[in-house]
Amino acid sequence: MPGAGDLDPTQPCPRRAPEVGSVAARVLLAVAVAATSAGCGSLMASASQRLSLSLAAAVAGQDDPETVRQGAPAYLLLIDGLIQDNPDNGGLLLTGSRLYSSYSAAFVDDEERAGRLALKARDYGFRGLCAHRRSACGSWEAPYDRFETVIRGLDRSDVPALHGAAAAWATWIQAHRDDWVAVADKARVELMMQRVVELDERYDRGSAHLYLGVLATLIPEALGGRPGEGRRHFERAAELADGRNLMAPLLMASEYARAVYDRDLHDRLCREVLAADPREPGLTLANVLAQAAAEELLASSDEYFGE
């Protein structure tokens, strides 16, 4: 796996077409929302923790994104207050991390503001992982060899915290995808998600594969991107979710099919997403966002691929 030294920070990071970047942002967010309701049951005990999970589950099950857009700031302030009263509560920190990731990626158009919120999500994720496993504290800033040793030393009980921290970090990278220094961190996030796959591939219906697919296709193949690997991750995620997570085919369309200029695959996947029933426990909001993004991709298909 490449480390930070494989990227040249003196070169500008290539930009993607705007609609593709917005699709990836929605994806990283919506996956994070779904993981909130599914992932931290073993970490929760107190009334405040149960409340935070209930709020996250309500967000994940919402079929009207505009309701979430308008109501989410109140949820975020509530989570901030709960964390302020319980600063070392790993479950609250991870729930806050996921909600901030979700909101910043899907509903904040201002790039500077989205970056600030993604940073808060990432830091909550780091603190949540640290609260759950003290040996991981500060590992994200350690030399890569030390970081790898820590991550490979985690076990199945660490999966919810590991997944949550990695998801928030991935969303932060996506929010700073034009910055080589931020993109260089993807090697660490890939290691974390690969460890999730090794320990419990089916966790959160295989969403770790979605993150790995996005990270594999984040940069062009000529600069080290791995589109073929990304496609395999998207296909495995779809399989593990029994086809109910519409983010899997959406991402294969936006991040893989566009990267390799396969219009037939791109348009077929988008139509499959649009034809599906989006209602699924824990995935409804993600699926509704996926359908909106699929509609955007289809509308821009002629322009992107050429008629």
C-alpha atoms as a PDB file:
ATOM      1  CA  MET A   1       0.000   0.000   0.000  1.00  0.00           C
ATOM      2  CA  PRO A   2       1.356   3.455  -0.843  1.00  0.00           C
ATOM      3  CA  GLY A   3       2.347   5.801   1.939  1.00  0.00           C
ATOM      4  CA  ALA A   4       2.329   9.561   2.075  1.00  0.00           C
ATOM      5  CA  GLY A   5       5.710   9.679   0.415  1.00  0.00           C
ATOM      6  CA  ASP A   6       4.240   8.320  -2.820  1.00  0.00           C
ATOM      7  CA  LEU A   7       2.362  11.585  -3.437  1.00  0.00           C
ATOM      8  CA  ASP A   8       4.050  14.722  -4.680  1.00  0.00           C
ATOM      9  CA  PRO A   9       2.665  17.724  -2.747  1.00  0.00           C
ATOM     10  CA  THR A  10       4.306  20.135  -5.207  1.00  0.00           C
ATOM     11  CA  GLN A  11       1.896  19.043  -7.946  1.00  0.00           C
ATOM     12  CA  PRO A  12      -1.710  20.270  -8.063  1.00  0.00           C
ATOM     13  CA  CYS A  13      -4.262  17.625  -7.241  1.00  0.00           C
ATOM     14  CA  PRO A  14      -6.490  16.997 -10.292  1.00  0.00           C
ATOM     15  CA  ARG A  15     -10.108  18.070  -9.993  1.00  0.00           C
ATOM     16  CA  ARG A  16     -13.023  15.957 -11.057  1.00  0.00           C
ATOM     17  CA  ALA A  17     -16.103  17.146 -12.856  1.00  0.00           C
ATOM     18  CA  PRO A  18     -18.235  18.953 -10.255  1.00  0.00           C
ATOM     19  CA  GLU A  19     -21.175  16.564 -10.428  1.00  0.00           C
ATOM     20  CA  VAL A  20     -18.918  13.574  -9.766  1.00  0.00           C
ATOM     21  CA  GLY A  21     -17.383  15.211  -6.716  1.00  0.00           C
ATOM     22  CA  SER A  22     -20.820  15.986  -5.305  1.00  0.00           C
ATOM     23  CA  VAL A  23     -21.893  12.380  -5.791  1.00  0.00           C
ATOM     24  CA  ALA A  24     -18.868  11.075  -3.879  1.00  0.00           C
ATOM     25  CA  ALA A  25     -19.585  13.531  -1.062  1.00  0.00           C
ATOM     26  CA  ARG A  26     -23.174  12.387  -0.726  1.00  0.00           C
ATOM     27  CA  VAL A  27     -22.039   8.797  -0.712  1.00  0.00           C
ATOM     28  CA  LEU A  28     -19.485   9.178   2.040  1.00  0.00           C
ATOM     29  CA  LEU A  29     -22.052  11.019   4.091  1.00  0.00           C
ATOM     30  CA  ALA A  30     -24.940   8.664   3.615  1.00  0.00           C
ATOM     31  CA  VAL A  31     -22.891   5.607   4.423  1.00  0.00           C
ATOM     32  CA  ALA A  32     -21.861   7.333   7.640  1.00  0.00           C
ATOM     33  CA  VAL A  33     -25.507   7.954   8.557  1.00  0.00           C
ATOM     34  CA  ALA A  34     -26.395   4.335   7.992  1.00  0.00           C
ATOM     35  CA  ALA A  35     -23.461   3.151  10.102  1.00  0.00           C
ATOM     36  CA  THR A  36     -24.590   5.282  13.043  1.00  0.00           C
ATOM     37  CA  SER A  37     -27.763   3.339  13.591  1.00  0.00           C
ATOM     38  CA  ALA A  38     -26.160  -0.034  12.964  1.00  0.00           C
ATOM     39  CA  GLY A  39     -22.756   0.158  14.496  1.00  0.00           C
ATOM     40  CA  CYS A  40     -22.355   1.081  18.133  1.00  0.00           C
ATOM     41  CA  GLY A  41     -24.860  -0.952  20.083  1.00  0.00           C
ATOM     42  CA  SER A  42     -22.154  -2.590  22.177  1.00  0.00           C
ATOM     43  CA  LEU A  43     -20.758   0.812  23.117  1.00  0.00           C
ATOM     44  CA  MET A  44     -24.046   2.270  24.361  1.00  0.00           C
ATOM     45  CA  ALA A  45     -25.408   2.149  27.878  1.00  0.00           C
ATOM     46  CA  SER A  46     -26.567   5.507  29.266  1.00  0.00           C
ATOM     47  CA  ALA A  47     -29.745   7.427  28.525  1.00  0.00           C
ATOM     48  CA  SER A  48     -27.768  10.072  26.638  1.00  0.00           C
ATOM     49  CA  GLN A  49     -26.152   7.399  24.507  1.00  0.00           C
ATOM     50  CA  ARG A  50     -29.501   5.819  23.732  1.00  0.00           C
ATOM     51  CA  LEU A  51     -30.856   9.232  22.810  1.00  0.00           C
ATOM     52  CA  SER A  52     -27.969   9.863  20.435  1.00  0.00           C
ATOM     53  CA  LEU A  53     -28.543   6.521  18.719  1.00  0.00           C
ATOM     54  CA  SER A  54     -32.270   7.189  18.441  1.00  0.00           C
ATOM     55  CA  LEU A  55     -31.577  10.522  16.757  1.00  0.00           C
ATOM     56  CA  ALA A  56     -29.118   8.914  14.365  1.00  0.00           C
ATOM     57  CA  ALA A  57     -31.580   6.142  13.536  1.00  0.00           C
ATOM     58  CA  ALA A  58     -34.279   8.728  12.833  1.00  0.00           C
ATOM     59  CA  VAL A  59     -31.944  10.504  10.425  1.00  0.00           C
ATOM     60  CA  ALA A  60     -30.998   7.267   8.661  1.00  0.00           C
ATOM     61  CA  GLY A  61     -34.648   6.298   8.247  1.00  0.00           C
ATOM     62  CA  GLN A  62     -35.820   9.658   6.889  1.00  0.00           C
ATOM     63  CA  ASP A  63     -37.081   9.673   3.299  1.00  0.00           C
ATOM     64  CA  ASP A  64     -37.129  13.475   2.942  1.00  0.00           C
ATOM     65  CA  PRO A  65     -33.567  14.845   2.735  1.00  0.00           C
ATOM     66  CA  GLU A  66     -34.783  18.424   3.111  1.00  0.00           C
ATOM     67  CA  THR A  67     -36.179  17.608   6.548  1.00  0.00           C
ATOM     68  CA  VAL A  68     -32.734  16.358   7.526  1.00  0.00           C
ATOM     69  CA  ARG A  69     -31.067  19.414   6.010  1.00  0.00           C
ATOM     70  CA  GLN A  70     -33.202  21.761   8.096  1.00  0.00           C
ATOM     71  CA  GLY A  71     -33.281  19.710  11.278  1.00  0.00           C
ATOM     72  CA  ALA A  72     -29.736  18.320  11.475  1.00  0.00           C
ATOM     73  CA  PRO A  73     -28.087  21.437  12.987  1.00  0.00           C
ATOM     74  CA  ALA A  74     -30.243  21.004  16.100  1.00  0.00           C
ATOM     75  CA  TYR A  75     -29.124  17.370  16.334  1.00  0.00           C
ATOM     76  CA  LEU A  76     -25.495  18.427  16.023  1.00  0.00           C
ATOM     77  CA  LEU A  77     -25.797  20.994  18.794  1.00  0.00           C
ATOM     78  CA  LEU A  78     -27.504  18.410  21.007  1.00  0.00           C
ATOM     79  CA  ILE A  79     -24.719  15.894  20.367  1.00  0.00           C
ATOM     80  CA  ASP A  80     -22.127  18.582  21.114  1.00  0.00           C
ATOM     81  CA  GLY A  81     -23.816  19.229  24.441  1.00  0.00           C
ATOM     82  CA  LEU A  82     -23.928  15.554  25.336  1.00  0.00           C
ATOM     83  CA  ILE A  83     -20.249  15.182  24.462  1.00  0.00           C
ATOM     84  CA  GLN A  84     -19.354  18.265  26.479  1.00  0.00           C
ATOM     85  CA  ASP A  85     -20.919  16.589  29.530  1.00  0.00           C
ATOM     86  CA  ASN A  86     -19.336  13.215  28.684  1.00  0.00           C
ATOM     87  CA  PRO A  87     -16.036  14.041  26.926  1.00  0.00           C
ATOM     88  CA  ASP A  88     -14.611  10.527  27.190  1.00  0.00           C
ATOM     89  CA  ASN A  89     -17.702   8.610  26.124  1.00  0.00           C
ATOM     90  CA  GLY A  90     -16.638   6.658  23.052  1.00  0.00           C
ATOM     91  CA  GLY A  91     -20.161   5.899  21.878  1.00  0.00           C
ATOM     92  CA  LEU A  92     -21.254   9.537  21.944  1.00  0.00           C
ATOM     93  CA  LEU A  93     -18.062  10.634  20.225  1.00  0.00           C
ATOM     94  CA  LEU A  94     -18.529   8.146  17.396  1.00  0.00           C
ATOM     95  CA  THR A  95     -22.181   9.070  16.938  1.00  0.00           C
ATOM     96  CA  GLY A  96     -21.233  12.745  16.827  1.00  0.00           C
ATOM     97  CA  SER A  97     -18.475  11.961  14.362  1.00  0.00           C
ATOM     98  CA  ARG A  98     -20.824  10.189  12.002  1.00  0.00           C
ATOM     99  CA  LEU A  99     -23.550  12.811  12.179  1.00  0.00           C
ATOM    100  CA  TYR A 100     -21.099  15.633  11.502  1.00  0.00           C
ATOM    101  CA  SER A 101     -19.599  13.678   8.599  1.00  0.00           C
ATOM    102  CA  SER A 102     -23.028  13.053   7.187  1.00  0.00           C
ATOM    103  CA  TYR A 103     -24.249  16.611   7.447  1.00  0.00           C
ATOM    104  CA  SER A 104     -21.075  18.228   6.122  1.00  0.00           C
ATOM    105  CA  ALA A 105     -20.820  15.951   3.104  1.00  0.00           C
ATOM    106  CA  ALA A 106     -24.448  15.895   2.017  1.00  0.00           C
ATOM    107  CA  PHE A 107     -25.950  19.220   2.972  1.00  0.00           C
ATOM    108  CA  VAL A 108     -23.217  21.871   3.154  1.00  0.00           C
ATOM    109  CA  ASP A 109     -22.409  23.511  -0.170  1.00  0.00           C
ATOM    110  CA  ASP A 110     -19.850  26.003   1.123  1.00  0.00           C
ATOM    111  CA  GLU A 111     -16.496  24.224   0.830  1.00  0.00           C
ATOM    112  CA  GLU A 112     -14.822  26.098   3.684  1.00  0.00           C
ATOM    113  CA  ARG A 113     -17.665  25.379   6.073  1.00  0.00           C
ATOM    114  CA  ALA A 114     -17.887  21.762   4.962  1.00  0.00           C
ATOM    115  CA  GLY A 115     -14.178  21.418   5.642  1.00  0.00           C
ATOM    116  CA  ARG A 116     -14.567  22.768   9.190  1.00  0.00           C
ATOM    117  CA  LEU A 117     -17.427  20.389   9.968  1.00  0.00           C
ATOM    118  CA  ALA A 118     -15.566  17.443   8.446  1.00  0.00           C
ATOM    119  CA  LEU A 119     -12.571  18.298  10.621  1.00  0.00           C
ATOM    120  CA  LYS A 120     -14.764  18.220  13.720  1.00  0.00           C
ATOM    121  CA  ALA A 121     -16.162  14.869  12.612  1.00  0.00           C
ATOM    122  CA  ARG A 122     -12.667  13.504  12.092  1.00  0.00           C
ATOM    123  CA  ASP A 123     -11.521  14.697  15.510  1.00  0.00           C
ATOM    124  CA  TYR A 124     -14.575  13.216  17.233  1.00  0.00           C
ATOM    125  CA  GLY A 125     -13.790   9.961  15.420  1.00  0.00           C
ATOM    126  CA  PHE A 126     -10.192   9.971  16.641  1.00  0.00           C
ATOM    127  CA  ARG A 127     -11.330  10.672  20.197  1.00  0.00           C
ATOM    128  CA  GLY A 128     -13.935   7.917  19.974  1.00  0.00           C
ATOM    129  CA  LEU A 129     -11.368   5.363  18.854  1.00  0.00           C
ATOM    130  CA  CYS A 130      -9.010   6.500  21.617  1.00  0.00           C
ATOM    131  CA  ALA A 131     -11.759   6.215  24.244  1.00  0.00           C
ATOM    132  CA  HIS A 132     -12.532   2.688  23.105  1.00  0.00           C
ATOM    133  CA  ARG A 133      -8.935   1.463  22.723  1.00  0.00           C
ATOM    134  CA  ARG A 134      -6.285   3.424  24.593  1.00  0.00           C
ATOM    135  CA  SER A 135      -3.455   1.831  22.637  1.00  0.00           C
ATOM    136  CA  ALA A 136      -4.798   3.615  19.538  1.00  0.00           C
ATOM    137  CA  CYS A 137      -4.554   7.106  21.044  1.00  0.00           C
ATOM    138  CA  GLY A 138      -2.456   9.361  18.824  1.00  0.00           C
ATOM    139  CA  SER A 139      -1.646   6.548  16.406  1.00  0.00           C
ATOM    140  CA  TRP A 140      -2.989   8.591  13.470  1.00  0.00           C
ATOM    141  CA  GLU A 141      -0.084  11.013  13.963  1.00  0.00           C
ATOM    142  CA  ALA A 142       2.558   8.327  14.503  1.00  0.00           C
ATOM    143  CA  PRO A 143       4.999   7.126  11.815  1.00  0.00           C
ATOM    144  CA  TYR A 144       3.269   4.792   9.404  1.00  0.00           C
ATOM    145  CA  ASP A 145       4.979   1.644  10.699  1.00  0.00           C
ATOM    146  CA  ARG A 146       3.809   2.365  14.239  1.00  0.00           C
ATOM    147  CA  PHE A 147       0.316   3.209  13.010  1.00  0.00           C
ATOM    148  CA  GLU A 148       0.142  -0.060  11.082  1.00  0.00           C
ATOM    149  CA  THR A 149       1.206  -2.049  14.137  1.00  0.00           C
ATOM    150  CA  VAL A 150      -1.565  -0.475  16.215  1.00  0.00           C
ATOM    151  CA  ILE A 151      -4.275  -1.032  13.610  1.00  0.00           C
ATOM    152  CA  ARG A 152      -3.287  -4.625  12.937  1.00  0.00           C
ATOM    153  CA  GLY A 153      -3.378  -5.234  16.694  1.00  0.00           C
ATOM    154  CA  LEU A 154      -7.081  -4.376  16.946  1.00  0.00           C
ATOM    155  CA  ASP A 155      -9.639  -7.179  17.225  1.00  0.00           C
ATOM    156  CA  ARG A 156     -13.277  -7.748  16.338  1.00  0.00           C
ATOM    157  CA  SER A 157     -14.547  -5.898  19.397  1.00  0.00           C
ATOM    158  CA  ASP A 158     -12.861  -2.777  18.020  1.00  0.00           C
ATOM    159  CA  VAL A 159     -14.671  -2.845  14.668  1.00  0.00           C
ATOM    160  CA  PRO A 160     -17.401  -0.234  15.411  1.00  0.00           C
ATOM    161  CA  ALA A 161     -14.871   2.291  16.724  1.00  0.00           C
ATOM    162  CA  LEU A 162     -12.359   1.529  13.976  1.00  0.00           C
ATOM    163  CA  HIS A 163     -14.992   1.833  11.255  1.00  0.00           C
ATOM    164  CA  GLY A 164     -16.384   5.057  12.713  1.00  0.00           C
ATOM    165  CA  ALA A 165     -12.996   6.758  12.942  1.00  0.00           C
ATOM    166  CA  ALA A 166     -12.002   5.631   9.458  1.00  0.00           C
ATOM    167  CA  ALA A 167     -15.308   6.777   7.950  1.00  0.00           C
ATOM    168  CA  ALA A 168     -14.943  10.263   9.414  1.00  0.00           C
ATOM    169  CA  TRP A 169     -11.341  10.480   8.231  1.00  0.00           C
ATOM    170  CA  ALA A 170     -12.407   9.405   4.731  1.00  0.00           C
ATOM    171  CA  THR A 171     -15.063  12.109   4.658  1.00  0.00           C
ATOM    172  CA  TRP A 172     -12.480  14.694   5.726  1.00  0.00           C
ATOM    173  CA  ILE A 173     -10.170  13.547   2.907  1.00  0.00           C
ATOM    174  CA  GLN A 174     -13.012  13.827   0.401  1.00  0.00           C
ATOM    175  CA  ALA A 175     -13.720  17.374   1.613  1.00  0.00           C
ATOM    176  CA  HIS A 176     -10.042  18.217   0.939  1.00  0.00           C
ATOM    177  CA  ARG A 177      -9.576  16.106  -2.206  1.00  0.00           C
ATOM    178  CA  ASP A 178      -7.776  18.971  -3.976  1.00  0.00           C
ATOM    179  CA  ASP A 179      -5.035  18.968  -1.315  1.00  0.00           C
ATOM    180  CA  TRP A 180      -2.260  16.410  -1.814  1.00  0.00           C
ATOM    181  CA  VAL A 181      -1.376  16.493   1.885  1.00  0.00           C
ATOM    182  CA  ALA A 182      -4.918  15.427   2.808  1.00  0.00           C
ATOM    183  CA  VAL A 183      -5.111  12.836   0.006  1.00  0.00           C
ATOM    184  CA  ALA A 184      -1.860  11.323   1.286  1.00  0.00           C
ATOM    185  CA  ASP A 185      -3.764  10.223   4.399  1.00  0.00           C
ATOM    186  CA  LYS A 186      -5.847   7.828   2.334  1.00  0.00           C
ATOM    187  CA  ALA A 187      -3.246   5.075   2.796  1.00  0.00           C
ATOM    188  CA  ARG A 188      -3.976   5.119   6.525  1.00  0.00           C
ATOM    189  CA  VAL A 189      -7.741   5.122   6.048  1.00  0.00           C
ATOM    190  CA  GLU A 190      -7.428   2.241   3.588  1.00  0.00           C
ATOM    191  CA  LEU A 191      -5.487   0.256   6.169  1.00  0.00           C
ATOM    192  CA  MET A 192      -8.205   0.893   8.769  1.00  0.00           C
ATOM    193  CA  MET A 193     -11.032  -0.158   6.454  1.00  0.00           C
ATOM    194  CA  GLN A 194      -9.070  -3.184   5.260  1.00  0.00           C
ATOM    195  CA  ARG A 195      -8.717  -4.204   8.899  1.00  0.00           C
ATOM    196  CA  VAL A 196     -12.492  -3.842   9.319  1.00  0.00           C
ATOM    197  CA  VAL A 197     -12.952  -6.160   6.330  1.00  0.00           C
ATOM    198  CA  GLU A 198     -10.492  -8.676   7.788  1.00  0.00           C
ATOM    199  CA  LEU A 199     -12.209  -8.685  11.180  1.00  0.00           C
ATOM    200  CA  ASP A 200     -15.861  -8.494  10.143  1.00  0.00           C
ATOM    201  CA  GLU A 201     -16.514  -8.032   6.446  1.00  0.00           C
ATOM    202  CA  ARG A 202     -20.273  -7.962   6.993  1.00  0.00           C
ATOM    203  CA  TYR A 203     -20.212  -5.134   9.514  1.00  0.00           C
ATOM    204  CA  ASP A 204     -22.740  -2.443   8.560  1.00  0.00           C
ATOM    205  CA  ARG A 205     -23.727  -4.525   5.534  1.00  0.00           C
ATOM    206  CA  GLY A 206     -20.265  -4.348   4.043  1.00  0.00           C
ATOM    207  CA  SER A 207     -19.961  -0.560   3.954  1.00  0.00           C
ATOM    208  CA  ALA A 208     -16.189  -0.754   4.482  1.00  0.00           C
ATOM    209  CA  HIS A 209     -15.986  -1.978   0.883  1.00  0.00           C
ATOM    210  CA  LEU A 210     -17.717   1.205  -0.293  1.00  0.00           C
ATOM    211  CA  TYR A 211     -15.088   3.346   1.387  1.00  0.00           C
ATOM    212  CA  LEU A 212     -12.298   1.193  -0.011  1.00  0.00           C
ATOM    213  CA  GLY A 213     -13.813   1.503  -3.469  1.00  0.00           C
ATOM    214  CA  VAL A 214     -13.998   5.285  -3.227  1.00  0.00           C
ATOM    215  CA  LEU A 215     -10.430   5.516  -1.933  1.00  0.00           C
ATOM    216  CA  ALA A 216      -9.135   3.247  -4.717  1.00  0.00           C
ATOM    217  CA  THR A 217     -10.675   5.547  -7.334  1.00  0.00           C
ATOM    218  CA  LEU A 218     -10.049   8.882  -5.617  1.00  0.00           C
ATOM    219  CA  ILE A 219      -7.205   9.805  -7.962  1.00  0.00           C
ATOM    220  CA  PRO A 220      -6.759   8.989 -11.687  1.00  0.00           C
ATOM    221  CA  GLU A 221      -5.197   5.661 -12.641  1.00  0.00           C
ATOM    222  CA  ALA A 222      -2.211   7.458 -14.187  1.00  0.00           C
ATOM    223  CA  LEU A 223      -1.396   8.900 -10.756  1.00  0.00           C
ATOM    224  CA  GLY A 224      -1.839   5.662  -8.832  1.00  0.00           C
ATOM    225  CA  GLY A 225      -5.600   5.162  -8.755  1.00  0.00           C
ATOM    226  CA  ARG A 226      -6.867   1.571  -8.924  1.00  0.00           C
ATOM    227  CA  PRO A 227     -10.230   1.554 -10.736  1.00  0.00           C
ATOM    228  CA  GLY A 228     -10.367  -2.220 -11.153  1.00  0.00           C
ATOM    229  CA  GLU A 229      -9.879  -2.730  -7.436  1.00  0.00           C
ATOM    230  CA  GLY A 230     -12.512  -0.087  -6.762  1.00  0.00           C
ATOM    231  CA  ARG A 231     -15.044  -1.936  -8.895  1.00  0.00           C
ATOM    232  CA  ARG A 232     -14.427  -5.168  -7.018  1.00  0.00           C
ATOM    233  CA  HIS A 233     -15.104  -3.414  -3.715  1.00  0.00           C
ATOM    234  CA  PHE A 234     -18.330  -1.861  -5.010  1.00  0.00           C
ATOM    235  CA  GLU A 235     -19.522  -5.233  -6.284  1.00  0.00           C
ATOM    236  CA  ARG A 236     -18.738  -6.921  -2.976  1.00  0.00           C
ATOM    237  CA  ALA A 237     -20.558  -4.193  -1.043  1.00  0.00           C
ATOM    238  CA  ALA A 238     -23.634  -4.703  -3.210  1.00  0.00           C
ATOM    239  CA  GLU A 239     -23.466  -8.442  -2.588  1.00  0.00           C
ATOM    240  CA  LEU A 240     -23.127  -8.092   1.190  1.00  0.00           C
ATOM    241  CA  ALA A 241     -26.085  -5.694   1.314  1.00  0.00           C
ATOM    242  CA  ASP A 242     -28.241  -8.024  -0.805  1.00  0.00           C
ATOM    243  CA  GLY A 243     -28.702  -5.220  -3.291  1.00  0.00           C
ATOM    244  CA  ARG A 244     -30.514  -3.020  -0.764  1.00  0.00           C
ATOM    245  CA  ASN A 245     -27.786  -0.370  -0.428  1.00  0.00           C
ATOM    246  CA  LEU A 246     -28.212   1.759  -3.560  1.00  0.00           C
ATOM    247  CA  MET A 247     -24.953   3.536  -2.839  1.00  0.00           C
ATOM    248  CA  ALA A 248     -23.056   0.504  -4.156  1.00  0.00           C
ATOM    249  CA  PRO A 249     -24.279   0.700  -7.785  1.00  0.00           C
ATOM    250  CA  LEU A 250     -24.293   4.493  -7.633  1.00  0.00           C
ATOM    251  CA  LEU A 251     -20.629   4.551  -6.671  1.00  0.00           C
ATOM    252  CA  MET A 252     -19.732   2.009  -9.295  1.00  0.00           C
ATOM    253  CA  ALA A 253     -21.299   4.367 -11.817  1.00  0.00           C
ATOM    254  CA  SER A 254     -19.834   7.631 -10.547  1.00  0.00           C
ATOM    255  CA  GLU A 255     -16.409   6.498  -9.373  1.00  0.00           C
ATOM    256  CA  TYR A 256     -15.638   3.527 -11.631  1.00  0.00           C
ATOM    257  CA  ALA A 257     -17.674   3.725 -14.858  1.00  0.00           C
ATOM    258  CA  ARG A 258     -16.885   7.406 -15.326  1.00  0.00           C
ATOM    259  CA  ALA A 259     -13.223   6.836 -14.566  1.00  0.00           C
ATOM    260  CA  VAL A 260     -12.927   4.191 -17.306  1.00  0.00           C
ATOM    261  CA  TYR A 261     -15.421   5.887 -19.663  1.00  0.00           C
ATOM    262  CA  ASP A 262     -17.866   2.976 -19.767  1.00  0.00           C
ATOM    263  CA  ARG A 263     -21.124   4.720 -20.596  1.00  0.00           C
ATOM    264  CA  ASP A 264     -23.197   1.560 -21.037  1.00  0.00           C
ATOM    265  CA  LEU A 265     -22.333   0.391 -17.530  1.00  0.00           C
ATOM    266  CA  HIS A 266     -22.752   3.909 -16.128  1.00  0.00           C
ATOM    267  CA  ASP A 267     -26.229   4.459 -17.539  1.00  0.00           C
ATOM    268  CA  ARG A 268     -27.428   0.947 -16.691  1.00  0.00           C
ATOM    269  CA  LEU A 269     -26.366   1.286 -13.067  1.00  0.00           C
ATOM    270  CA  CYS A 270     -27.984   4.706 -12.727  1.00  0.00           C
ATOM    271  CA  ARG A 271     -31.269   3.369 -14.119  1.00  0.00           C
ATOM    272  CA  GLU A 272     -31.139   0.422 -11.726  1.00  0.00           C
ATOM    273  CA  VAL A 273     -30.731   2.820  -8.805  1.00  0.00           C
ATOM    274  CA  LEU A 274     -33.658   4.939  -9.978  1.00  0.00           C
ATOM    275  CA  ALA A 275     -35.916   1.896 -10.470  1.00  0.00           C
ATOM    276  CA  ALA A 276     -35.293   0.467  -6.987  1.00  0.00           C
ATOM    277  CA  ASP A 277     -37.416   0.926  -3.875  1.00  0.00           C
ATOM    278  CA  PRO A 278     -35.336   3.196  -1.603  1.00  0.00           C
ATOM    279  CA  ARG A 279     -37.049   2.239   1.647  1.00  0.00           C
ATOM    280  CA  GLU A 280     -34.869  -0.001   3.761  1.00  0.00           C
ATOM    281  CA  PRO A 281     -34.308   0.122   7.552  1.00  0.00           C
ATOM    282  CA  GLY A 282     -31.144   2.091   8.271  1.00  0.00           C
ATOM    283  CA  LEU A 283     -30.585   2.933   4.605  1.00  0.00           C
ATOM    284  CA  THR A 284     -33.596   4.964   3.490  1.00  0.00           C
ATOM    285  CA  LEU A 285     -31.912   8.373   3.573  1.00  0.00           C
ATOM    286  CA  ALA A 286     -28.790   6.996   1.891  1.00  0.00           C
ATOM    287  CA  ASN A 287     -30.892   5.382  -0.818  1.00  0.00           C
ATOM    288  CA  VAL A 288     -32.966   8.513  -1.460  1.00  0.00           C
ATOM    289  CA  LEU A 289     -29.757  10.522  -1.810  1.00  0.00           C
ATOM    290  CA  ALA A 290     -28.375   7.853  -4.126  1.00  0.00           C
ATOM    291  CA  GLN A 291     -31.411   8.175  -6.378  1.00  0.00           C
ATOM    292  CA  ALA A 292     -31.094  11.959  -6.512  1.00  0.00           C
ATOM    293  CA  ALA A 293     -27.425  11.601  -7.423  1.00  0.00           C
ATOM    294  CA  ALA A 294     -28.196   8.956 -10.060  1.00  0.00           C
ATOM    295  CA  GLU A 295     -30.645  11.341 -11.691  1.00  0.00           C
ATOM    296  CA  GLU A 296     -27.915  14.020 -11.827  1.00  0.00           C
ATOM    297  CA  LEU A 297     -25.434  11.583 -13.343  1.00  0.00           C
ATOM    298  CA  LEU A 298     -27.837  10.467 -16.043  1.00  0.00           C
ATOM    299  CA  ALA A 299     -28.721  14.065 -16.876  1.00  0.00           C
ATOM    300  CA  SER A 300     -25.029  14.853 -17.434  1.00  0.00           C
ATOM    301  CA  SER A 301     -24.164  11.602 -19.226  1.00  0.00           C
ATOM    302  CA  ASP A 302     -24.245  13.073 -22.747  1.00  0.00           C
ATOM    303  CA  GLU A 303     -21.977  15.919 -21.710  1.00  0.00           C
ATOM    304  CA  TYR A 304     -19.533  13.683 -19.842  1.00  0.00           C
ATOM    305  CA  PHE A 305     -19.226  10.826 -22.326  1.00  0.00           C
ATOM    306  CA  GLY A 306     -20.127  12.644 -25.523  1.00  0.00           C
ATOM    307  CA  GLU A 307     -23.259  11.890 -27.501  1.00  0.00           C
END
